[in-house]
Structure formats: C-alpha cells, structure tokens
C-alpha cells in the first residue's frame, strides 16, 4: 500500500482515515480508535498527513512529525467546499485529502506545546478579567437599590 496523502478526520474516540496514492486514487479507507491510529501511522511510510485545524490537531501533528511524516493543518472553512455529498466522517476525510493537494491551499501553522501553554494562560487571564468586571457591574447595579431604602419585602 503506497499512500502519498492521508486525510484524517479527528474526533474524540474514532478517527476516519482516507489515503490516496500518487495518482490520486483512494487506496486506504479505515476507521481507527486512538490506540489504532498511532499504530497505523507508525507503520506507514513517510507521507503527507492532512487534518482540519482544531484544538487536538496540533497535538496529533506533533506526534506524526515525530514519526517522520509531513503534516499540514487546514482551516475547516477551506475544507468545507470539498465535501462532495452529505456530511460524514468518511466524506470529511476525503475532502481533507482533496483540499490538501490543491496548489494554492492555505495551511495553518502547527503550534508547539509551549505556544499552546502560553495561549492557555492568556485565555485564563482574559476569562478572569471578564468575570471580575461582571462581578463589579453586578455589585454596582445592586448597591444603589440597597442604600436607597427602597427594598420591598413580601
């Protein structure tokens, strides 16, 4: 089996794989669990692996690069036009391959672990600031009512 491009539709438990040869013919279609995915990719000759960019795709991209594969992440909005029929995991994996072989396709960069760590800190800080502002606003809206003596109790 000579796979040149492998498209992977990522999910939580079951991944859909779609592999094509140099002529663009489908030579590999398979569902795989997390454990099977690592084993399958490790047994492949180095090839181009394409995935939709999402939170877990950066982790998988780093893992597949360690195994000697070239990895490309495609933003989901660029994959959507290549889905030929109804949306399913198998059709999405095929569309990822179609998008990956386009000469003018734009790809996302793979985030290293340190970059994702810093991003997590920034997002946590932003969330805490929003919560602080919301709490201050809530307090400010309640305080005038309490101090005016206009509280009505039933």
N, C-alpha and C. Protein backbone atom coordinates (compact mmCIF):
# COMPACT_ATOMS: atom_id res chain seq x y z
N UNK A 1 0.85 -1.17 0.00
CA UNK A 1 0.00 0.00 0.00
C UNK A 1 0.90 1.24 0.00
N UNK A 2 0.83 2.01 -1.07
CA UNK A 2 1.69 3.17 -1.23
C UNK A 2 0.86 4.44 -1.09
N UNK A 3 0.75 4.95 0.13
CA UNK A 3 -0.05 6.14 0.41
C UNK A 3 0.85 7.37 0.32
N UNK A 4 0.42 8.35 -0.46
CA UNK A 4 1.18 9.60 -0.56
C UNK A 4 0.52 10.71 0.25
N UNK A 5 -0.81 10.71 0.31
CA UNK A 5 -1.55 11.70 1.09
C UNK A 5 -2.58 10.97 1.95
N UNK A 6 -2.57 11.27 3.25
CA UNK A 6 -3.52 10.67 4.17
C UNK A 6 -4.31 11.79 4.84
N UNK A 7 -5.62 11.74 4.70
CA UNK A 7 -6.51 12.70 5.36
C UNK A 7 -7.11 12.05 6.58
N UNK A 8 -7.10 12.78 7.69
CA UNK A 8 -7.64 12.24 8.93
C UNK A 8 -8.71 13.18 9.45
N UNK A 9 -9.91 12.64 9.66
CA UNK A 9 -10.98 13.40 10.30
C UNK A 9 -10.90 13.09 11.78
N UNK A 10 -10.51 14.08 12.58
CA UNK A 10 -10.30 13.89 14.01
C UNK A 10 -11.62 13.88 14.76
N UNK A 11 -11.65 13.09 15.82
CA UNK A 11 -12.81 13.01 16.70
C UNK A 11 -12.33 12.67 18.10
N UNK A 12 -13.25 12.42 19.02
CA UNK A 12 -12.84 12.10 20.38
C UNK A 12 -12.34 10.67 20.50
N UNK A 13 -13.09 9.73 19.90
CA UNK A 13 -12.75 8.32 20.08
C UNK A 13 -12.42 7.60 18.78
N UNK A 14 -13.18 7.87 17.73
CA UNK A 14 -12.99 7.15 16.47
C UNK A 14 -12.58 8.13 15.37
N UNK A 15 -11.48 7.83 14.71
CA UNK A 15 -10.94 8.67 13.65
C UNK A 15 -11.19 8.01 12.30
N UNK A 16 -11.47 8.81 11.30
CA UNK A 16 -11.68 8.29 9.95
C UNK A 16 -10.45 8.65 9.12
N UNK A 17 -9.87 7.65 8.45
CA UNK A 17 -8.69 7.86 7.62
C UNK A 17 -9.03 7.63 6.15
N UNK A 18 -8.43 8.44 5.29
CA UNK A 18 -8.62 8.31 3.84
C UNK A 18 -7.26 8.55 3.19
N UNK A 19 -6.72 7.52 2.56
CA UNK A 19 -5.41 7.63 1.93
C UNK A 19 -5.49 7.51 0.42
N UNK A 20 -4.67 8.31 -0.27
CA UNK A 20 -4.62 8.24 -1.73
C UNK A 20 -3.18 7.98 -2.17
N UNK A 21 -3.05 7.43 -3.38
CA UNK A 21 -1.72 7.20 -3.93
C UNK A 21 -1.29 8.40 -4.77
N UNK A 22 -0.18 8.26 -5.48
CA UNK A 22 0.37 9.37 -6.27
C UNK A 22 -0.58 9.80 -7.39
N UNK A 23 -1.40 8.89 -7.90
CA UNK A 23 -2.35 9.22 -8.97
C UNK A 23 -3.62 9.86 -8.42
N UNK A 24 -3.79 9.88 -7.11
CA UNK A 24 -4.98 10.46 -6.51
C UNK A 24 -6.10 9.47 -6.28
N UNK A 25 -5.83 8.18 -6.46
CA UNK A 25 -6.85 7.15 -6.24
C UNK A 25 -6.88 6.75 -4.77
N UNK A 26 -8.08 6.52 -4.27
CA UNK A 26 -8.23 6.08 -2.88
C UNK A 26 -7.71 4.66 -2.74
N UNK A 27 -6.73 4.48 -1.87
CA UNK A 27 -6.16 3.15 -1.64
C UNK A 27 -6.31 2.70 -0.19
N UNK A 28 -6.83 3.59 0.65
CA UNK A 28 -6.92 3.27 2.07
C UNK A 28 -8.09 4.02 2.69
N UNK A 29 -9.04 3.29 3.25
CA UNK A 29 -10.16 3.87 3.99
C UNK A 29 -10.35 3.05 5.23
N UNK A 30 -10.32 3.71 6.39
CA UNK A 30 -10.41 2.95 7.62
C UNK A 30 -10.86 3.82 8.78
N UNK A 31 -11.62 3.23 9.70
CA UNK A 31 -11.93 3.85 10.98
C UNK A 31 -10.91 3.32 11.97
N UNK A 32 -10.48 4.20 12.89
CA UNK A 32 -9.48 3.76 13.86
C UNK A 32 -9.74 4.41 15.21
N UNK A 33 -9.46 3.65 16.27
CA UNK A 33 -9.52 4.20 17.62
C UNK A 33 -8.22 4.96 17.88
N UNK A 34 -8.11 5.58 19.04
CA UNK A 34 -6.89 6.33 19.37
C UNK A 34 -5.66 5.42 19.33
N UNK A 35 -5.73 4.28 19.97
CA UNK A 35 -4.58 3.37 20.01
C UNK A 35 -4.24 2.86 18.62
N UNK A 36 -5.26 2.52 17.84
CA UNK A 36 -5.03 2.04 16.47
C UNK A 36 -4.42 3.12 15.60
N UNK A 37 -4.84 4.37 15.79
CA UNK A 37 -4.35 5.47 14.96
C UNK A 37 -2.84 5.59 15.06
N UNK A 38 -2.32 5.59 16.26
CA UNK A 38 -0.87 5.70 16.46
C UNK A 38 -0.16 4.53 15.80
N UNK A 39 -0.70 3.32 15.98
CA UNK A 39 -0.08 2.13 15.39
C UNK A 39 -0.10 2.19 13.86
N UNK A 40 -1.22 2.61 13.29
CA UNK A 40 -1.34 2.69 11.83
C UNK A 40 -0.35 3.70 11.25
N UNK A 41 -0.31 4.88 11.85
CA UNK A 41 0.58 5.94 11.36
C UNK A 41 2.05 5.53 11.51
N UNK A 42 2.37 4.86 12.61
CA UNK A 42 3.75 4.42 12.83
C UNK A 42 4.19 3.40 11.79
N UNK A 43 3.25 2.60 11.27
CA UNK A 43 3.59 1.57 10.28
C UNK A 43 3.59 2.08 8.84
N UNK A 44 3.17 3.33 8.62
CA UNK A 44 3.16 3.90 7.27
C UNK A 44 4.53 4.43 6.88
N UNK A 45 4.82 4.37 5.58
CA UNK A 45 6.00 5.06 5.08
C UNK A 45 5.74 6.56 5.22
N UNK A 46 6.79 7.37 5.36
CA UNK A 46 6.57 8.82 5.47
C UNK A 46 5.73 9.34 4.31
N UNK A 47 4.69 10.09 4.65
CA UNK A 47 3.78 10.66 3.66
C UNK A 47 3.26 11.99 4.16
N UNK A 48 2.42 12.61 3.37
CA UNK A 48 1.77 13.86 3.77
C UNK A 48 0.50 13.51 4.52
N UNK A 49 0.38 14.02 5.73
CA UNK A 49 -0.83 13.80 6.53
C UNK A 49 -1.52 15.15 6.68
N UNK A 50 -2.80 15.18 6.32
CA UNK A 50 -3.57 16.42 6.40
C UNK A 50 -4.72 16.24 7.37
N UNK A 51 -4.99 17.29 8.15
CA UNK A 51 -6.09 17.29 9.11
C UNK A 51 -6.71 18.68 9.15
N UNK A 52 -7.95 18.73 9.60
CA UNK A 52 -8.57 20.04 9.85
C UNK A 52 -7.94 20.61 11.11
N UNK A 53 -7.68 21.91 11.09
CA UNK A 53 -7.10 22.57 12.26
C UNK A 53 -8.15 22.67 13.36
N UNK A 54 -7.81 22.16 14.53
CA UNK A 54 -8.68 22.24 15.71
C UNK A 54 -7.79 22.10 16.93
N UNK A 55 -8.36 22.09 18.10
CA UNK A 55 -7.57 22.02 19.32
C UNK A 55 -6.66 20.81 19.40
N UNK A 56 -7.17 19.65 19.07
CA UNK A 56 -6.35 18.43 19.19
C UNK A 56 -5.44 18.20 17.99
N UNK A 57 -5.68 18.88 16.89
CA UNK A 57 -4.88 18.63 15.68
C UNK A 57 -3.41 19.00 15.89
N UNK A 58 -3.15 19.99 16.74
CA UNK A 58 -1.76 20.39 16.99
C UNK A 58 -1.01 19.29 17.74
N UNK A 59 -1.69 18.65 18.68
CA UNK A 59 -1.08 17.52 19.38
C UNK A 59 -0.75 16.40 18.41
N UNK A 60 -1.75 16.02 17.60
CA UNK A 60 -1.53 14.92 16.65
C UNK A 60 -0.46 15.28 15.62
N UNK A 61 -0.43 16.52 15.19
CA UNK A 61 0.58 16.95 14.22
C UNK A 61 1.98 16.77 14.79
N UNK A 62 2.16 17.16 16.04
CA UNK A 62 3.48 16.98 16.67
C UNK A 62 3.85 15.50 16.77
N UNK A 63 2.86 14.66 17.12
CA UNK A 63 3.12 13.22 17.23
C UNK A 63 3.49 12.62 15.88
N UNK A 64 2.78 13.01 14.82
CA UNK A 64 3.04 12.44 13.50
C UNK A 64 4.36 12.93 12.92
N UNK A 65 4.73 14.16 13.25
CA UNK A 65 6.04 14.67 12.80
C UNK A 65 7.17 13.87 13.43
N UNK A 66 6.98 13.48 14.69
CA UNK A 66 8.00 12.66 15.37
C UNK A 66 8.21 11.34 14.63
N UNK A 67 7.16 10.85 13.97
CA UNK A 67 7.23 9.58 13.24
C UNK A 67 7.75 9.77 11.82
N UNK A 68 8.12 11.01 11.44
CA UNK A 68 8.74 11.26 10.14
C UNK A 68 7.79 11.69 9.04
N UNK A 69 6.55 12.00 9.36
CA UNK A 69 5.59 12.41 8.35
C UNK A 69 5.57 13.93 8.19
N UNK A 70 5.18 14.38 7.01
CA UNK A 70 4.94 15.81 6.79
C UNK A 70 3.48 16.04 7.15
N UNK A 71 3.21 17.06 7.97
CA UNK A 71 1.85 17.29 8.45
C UNK A 71 1.39 18.69 8.05
N UNK A 72 0.16 18.77 7.56
CA UNK A 72 -0.45 20.05 7.22
C UNK A 72 -1.81 20.15 7.87
N UNK A 73 -2.07 21.32 8.43
CA UNK A 73 -3.36 21.59 9.06
C UNK A 73 -4.12 22.59 8.19
N UNK A 74 -5.36 22.25 7.89
CA UNK A 74 -6.17 23.08 7.01
C UNK A 74 -7.32 23.67 7.83
N UNK A 75 -7.52 24.99 7.77
CA UNK A 75 -8.68 25.56 8.47
C UNK A 75 -9.98 24.95 7.95
N UNK A 76 -10.92 24.65 8.84
CA UNK A 76 -12.17 23.97 8.44
C UNK A 76 -12.95 24.66 7.32
N UNK A 77 -12.91 26.00 7.28
CA UNK A 77 -13.68 26.70 6.24
C UNK A 77 -13.11 26.44 4.85
N UNK A 78 -11.85 26.02 4.76
CA UNK A 78 -11.26 25.71 3.46
C UNK A 78 -11.53 24.27 3.03
N UNK A 79 -11.91 23.42 3.99
CA UNK A 79 -12.21 22.02 3.68
C UNK A 79 -13.66 21.87 3.24
N UNK A 80 -14.54 22.64 3.84
CA UNK A 80 -15.99 22.50 3.62
C UNK A 80 -16.39 22.47 2.14
N UNK A 81 -15.82 23.31 1.26
CA UNK A 81 -16.24 23.27 -0.15
C UNK A 81 -15.92 21.95 -0.86
N UNK A 82 -15.03 21.15 -0.28
CA UNK A 82 -14.61 19.91 -0.95
C UNK A 82 -15.43 18.69 -0.52
N UNK A 83 -16.35 18.87 0.42
CA UNK A 83 -17.23 17.76 0.82
C UNK A 83 -18.23 17.55 -0.31
N UNK A 84 -18.19 16.36 -0.92
CA UNK A 84 -18.98 16.10 -2.13
C UNK A 84 -20.46 15.81 -1.85
N UNK A 85 -20.73 15.08 -0.79
CA UNK A 85 -22.11 14.70 -0.51
C UNK A 85 -22.44 15.08 0.92
N UNK A 86 -23.33 14.34 1.53
CA UNK A 86 -23.72 14.62 2.91
C UNK A 86 -22.52 14.55 3.85
N UNK A 87 -22.62 15.32 4.91
CA UNK A 87 -21.51 15.37 5.87
C UNK A 87 -21.44 14.07 6.66
N UNK A 88 -20.28 13.45 6.63
CA UNK A 88 -20.00 12.28 7.45
C UNK A 88 -18.49 12.27 7.68
N UNK A 89 -18.04 11.46 8.62
CA UNK A 89 -16.61 11.42 8.91
C UNK A 89 -15.81 10.94 7.70
N UNK A 90 -16.31 9.94 6.99
CA UNK A 90 -15.60 9.41 5.82
C UNK A 90 -15.53 10.46 4.72
N UNK A 91 -16.64 11.16 4.47
CA UNK A 91 -16.65 12.22 3.45
C UNK A 91 -15.75 13.38 3.85
N UNK A 92 -15.70 13.69 5.14
CA UNK A 92 -14.82 14.76 5.61
C UNK A 92 -13.35 14.40 5.40
N UNK A 93 -12.98 13.15 5.69
CA UNK A 93 -11.60 12.71 5.50
C UNK A 93 -11.21 12.78 4.03
N UNK A 94 -12.13 12.41 3.15
CA UNK A 94 -11.86 12.50 1.71
C UNK A 94 -11.71 13.97 1.28
N UNK A 95 -12.56 14.83 1.82
CA UNK A 95 -12.49 16.26 1.49
C UNK A 95 -11.18 16.87 1.98
N UNK A 96 -10.68 16.42 3.11
CA UNK A 96 -9.40 16.91 3.63
C UNK A 96 -8.27 16.58 2.67
N UNK A 97 -8.30 15.37 2.12
CA UNK A 97 -7.28 14.98 1.12
C UNK A 97 -7.39 15.87 -0.11
N UNK A 98 -8.62 16.07 -0.59
CA UNK A 98 -8.83 16.91 -1.78
C UNK A 98 -8.30 18.32 -1.55
N UNK A 99 -8.57 18.87 -0.38
CA UNK A 99 -8.11 20.22 -0.07
C UNK A 99 -6.59 20.28 0.06
N UNK A 100 -6.01 19.24 0.64
CA UNK A 100 -4.56 19.23 0.89
C UNK A 100 -3.73 19.23 -0.39
N UNK A 101 -4.28 18.65 -1.47
CA UNK A 101 -3.48 18.56 -2.70
C UNK A 101 -3.66 19.76 -3.61
N UNK A 102 -4.51 20.69 -3.23
CA UNK A 102 -4.70 21.90 -4.04
C UNK A 102 -3.43 22.76 -3.98
N UNK A 103 -2.99 23.27 -5.12
CA UNK A 103 -1.72 24.01 -5.14
C UNK A 103 -1.77 25.35 -4.39
N UNK A 104 -2.91 25.99 -4.32
CA UNK A 104 -2.99 27.31 -3.69
C UNK A 104 -3.65 27.26 -2.31
N UNK A 105 -3.69 26.10 -1.69
CA UNK A 105 -4.35 25.95 -0.40
C UNK A 105 -3.53 26.64 0.69
N UNK A 106 -4.23 27.27 1.63
CA UNK A 106 -3.57 27.91 2.77
C UNK A 106 -3.64 26.95 3.95
N UNK A 107 -2.54 26.85 4.66
CA UNK A 107 -2.45 25.94 5.79
C UNK A 107 -2.19 26.71 7.07
N UNK A 108 -2.60 26.14 8.18
CA UNK A 108 -2.32 26.72 9.50
C UNK A 108 -0.98 26.19 9.98
N UNK A 109 -0.29 26.99 10.76
CA UNK A 109 0.97 26.52 11.32
C UNK A 109 0.68 25.63 12.52
N UNK A 110 1.59 24.73 12.77
CA UNK A 110 1.45 23.80 13.89
C UNK A 110 1.99 24.47 15.14
N UNK A 111 1.16 24.53 16.18
CA UNK A 111 1.58 25.18 17.42
C UNK A 111 2.38 24.20 18.26
N UNK A 112 3.51 24.68 18.74
CA UNK A 112 4.31 23.87 19.65
C UNK A 112 3.65 23.89 21.03
N UNK A 113 4.03 22.96 21.87
CA UNK A 113 3.42 22.81 23.19
C UNK A 113 3.57 24.08 24.02
N UNK A 114 4.74 24.71 23.95
CA UNK A 114 4.98 25.93 24.72
C UNK A 114 4.03 27.05 24.29
N UNK A 115 3.79 27.15 22.99
CA UNK A 115 2.88 28.17 22.47
C UNK A 115 1.46 27.93 22.97
N UNK A 116 1.03 26.69 22.98
CA UNK A 116 -0.30 26.37 23.48
C UNK A 116 -0.41 26.65 24.98
N UNK A 117 0.68 26.41 25.72
CA UNK A 117 0.69 26.71 27.16
C UNK A 117 0.51 28.20 27.41
N UNK A 118 1.24 29.02 26.68
CA UNK A 118 1.14 30.47 26.83
C UNK A 118 -0.26 30.95 26.44
N UNK A 119 -0.79 30.37 25.37
CA UNK A 119 -2.15 30.73 24.93
C UNK A 119 -3.18 30.40 26.00
N UNK A 120 -3.01 29.28 26.67
CA UNK A 120 -3.91 28.89 27.75
C UNK A 120 -3.86 29.89 28.89
N UNK A 121 -2.66 30.35 29.24
CA UNK A 121 -2.52 31.35 30.30
C UNK A 121 -3.22 32.65 29.92
N UNK A 122 -3.03 33.10 28.69
CA UNK A 122 -3.68 34.34 28.23
C UNK A 122 -5.20 34.22 28.26
N UNK A 123 -5.72 33.08 27.81
CA UNK A 123 -7.17 32.89 27.81
C UNK A 123 -7.72 32.83 29.23
N UNK A 124 -7.00 32.19 30.13
CA UNK A 124 -7.44 32.13 31.52
C UNK A 124 -7.46 33.53 32.13
N UNK A 125 -6.44 34.31 31.85
CA UNK A 125 -6.38 35.69 32.36
C UNK A 125 -7.55 36.51 31.81
N UNK A 126 -7.81 36.40 30.51
CA UNK A 126 -8.94 37.13 29.91
C UNK A 126 -10.25 36.74 30.57
N UNK A 127 -10.44 35.45 30.80
CA UNK A 127 -11.68 34.97 31.43
C UNK A 127 -11.82 35.52 32.84
N UNK A 128 -10.73 35.56 33.60
CA UNK A 128 -10.77 36.08 34.96
C UNK A 128 -11.09 37.58 34.96
N UNK A 129 -10.55 38.33 34.01
CA UNK A 129 -10.84 39.76 33.92
C UNK A 129 -12.31 39.98 33.60
N UNK A 130 -12.86 39.19 32.67
CA UNK A 130 -14.29 39.31 32.33
C UNK A 130 -15.16 39.00 33.54
N UNK A 131 -14.80 37.97 34.29
CA UNK A 131 -15.57 37.61 35.48
C UNK A 131 -15.50 38.71 36.54
N UNK A 132 -14.32 39.32 36.70
CA UNK A 132 -14.15 40.41 37.66
C UNK A 132 -15.01 41.61 37.28
N UNK A 133 -15.00 41.98 36.00
CA UNK A 133 -15.80 43.11 35.53
C UNK A 133 -17.29 42.81 35.71
N UNK A 134 -17.70 41.59 35.40
CA UNK A 134 -19.11 41.22 35.56
C UNK A 134 -19.53 41.32 37.03
N UNK A 135 -18.67 40.88 37.93
CA UNK A 135 -18.97 40.93 39.36
C UNK A 135 -19.08 42.39 39.84
N UNK A 136 -18.16 43.23 39.40
CA UNK A 136 -18.19 44.65 39.77
C UNK A 136 -19.46 45.31 39.24
N UNK A 137 -19.83 45.00 38.00
CA UNK A 137 -21.05 45.56 37.42
C UNK A 137 -22.29 45.09 38.17
N UNK A 138 -22.32 43.84 38.56
CA UNK A 138 -23.45 43.30 39.31
C UNK A 138 -23.56 44.01 40.66
N UNK A 139 -22.42 44.17 41.31
CA UNK A 139 -22.39 44.85 42.61
C UNK A 139 -22.87 46.30 42.45
N UNK A 140 -22.41 46.97 41.42
CA UNK A 140 -22.78 48.36 41.19
C UNK A 140 -24.27 48.51 40.90
N UNK A 141 -24.87 47.52 40.28
CA UNK A 141 -26.30 47.60 39.97
C UNK A 141 -27.16 47.31 41.19
N UNK A 142 -26.67 46.55 42.14
CA UNK A 142 -27.43 46.19 43.33
C UNK A 142 -27.25 47.22 44.43
N UNK A 143 -26.07 47.78 44.59
CA UNK A 143 -25.74 48.69 45.68
C UNK A 143 -26.66 49.90 45.79
N UNK A 144 -26.98 50.62 44.70
CA UNK A 144 -27.87 51.78 44.84
C UNK A 144 -29.26 51.40 45.36
N UNK A 145 -29.75 50.25 45.00
CA UNK A 145 -31.06 49.80 45.46
C UNK A 145 -31.02 49.53 46.95
N UNK A 146 -29.95 48.91 47.43
CA UNK A 146 -29.83 48.58 48.85
C UNK A 146 -29.66 49.82 49.71
N UNK A 147 -28.91 50.81 49.23
CA UNK A 147 -28.65 52.01 50.04
C UNK A 147 -29.78 53.01 49.99
N UNK A 148 -30.69 52.93 49.03
CA UNK A 148 -31.77 53.90 48.93
C UNK A 148 -32.93 53.59 49.87
N UNK A 149 -32.94 52.41 50.43
CA UNK A 149 -34.02 52.03 51.33
C UNK A 149 -35.30 51.68 50.61
N UNK A 150 -35.24 51.45 49.34
CA UNK A 150 -36.44 51.16 48.56
C UNK A 150 -36.65 49.66 48.37
N UNK A 151 -35.97 48.86 49.14
CA UNK A 151 -36.14 47.41 49.03
C UNK A 151 -37.53 47.03 49.53
N UNK A 152 -38.23 46.31 48.74
CA UNK A 152 -39.58 45.88 49.10
C UNK A 152 -39.52 44.40 49.43
N UNK A 153 -40.02 44.08 50.62
CA UNK A 153 -40.03 42.67 51.01
C UNK A 153 -41.47 42.21 51.14
N UNK A 154 -41.72 41.01 50.67
CA UNK A 154 -43.07 40.44 50.75
C UNK A 154 -43.22 39.60 51.99
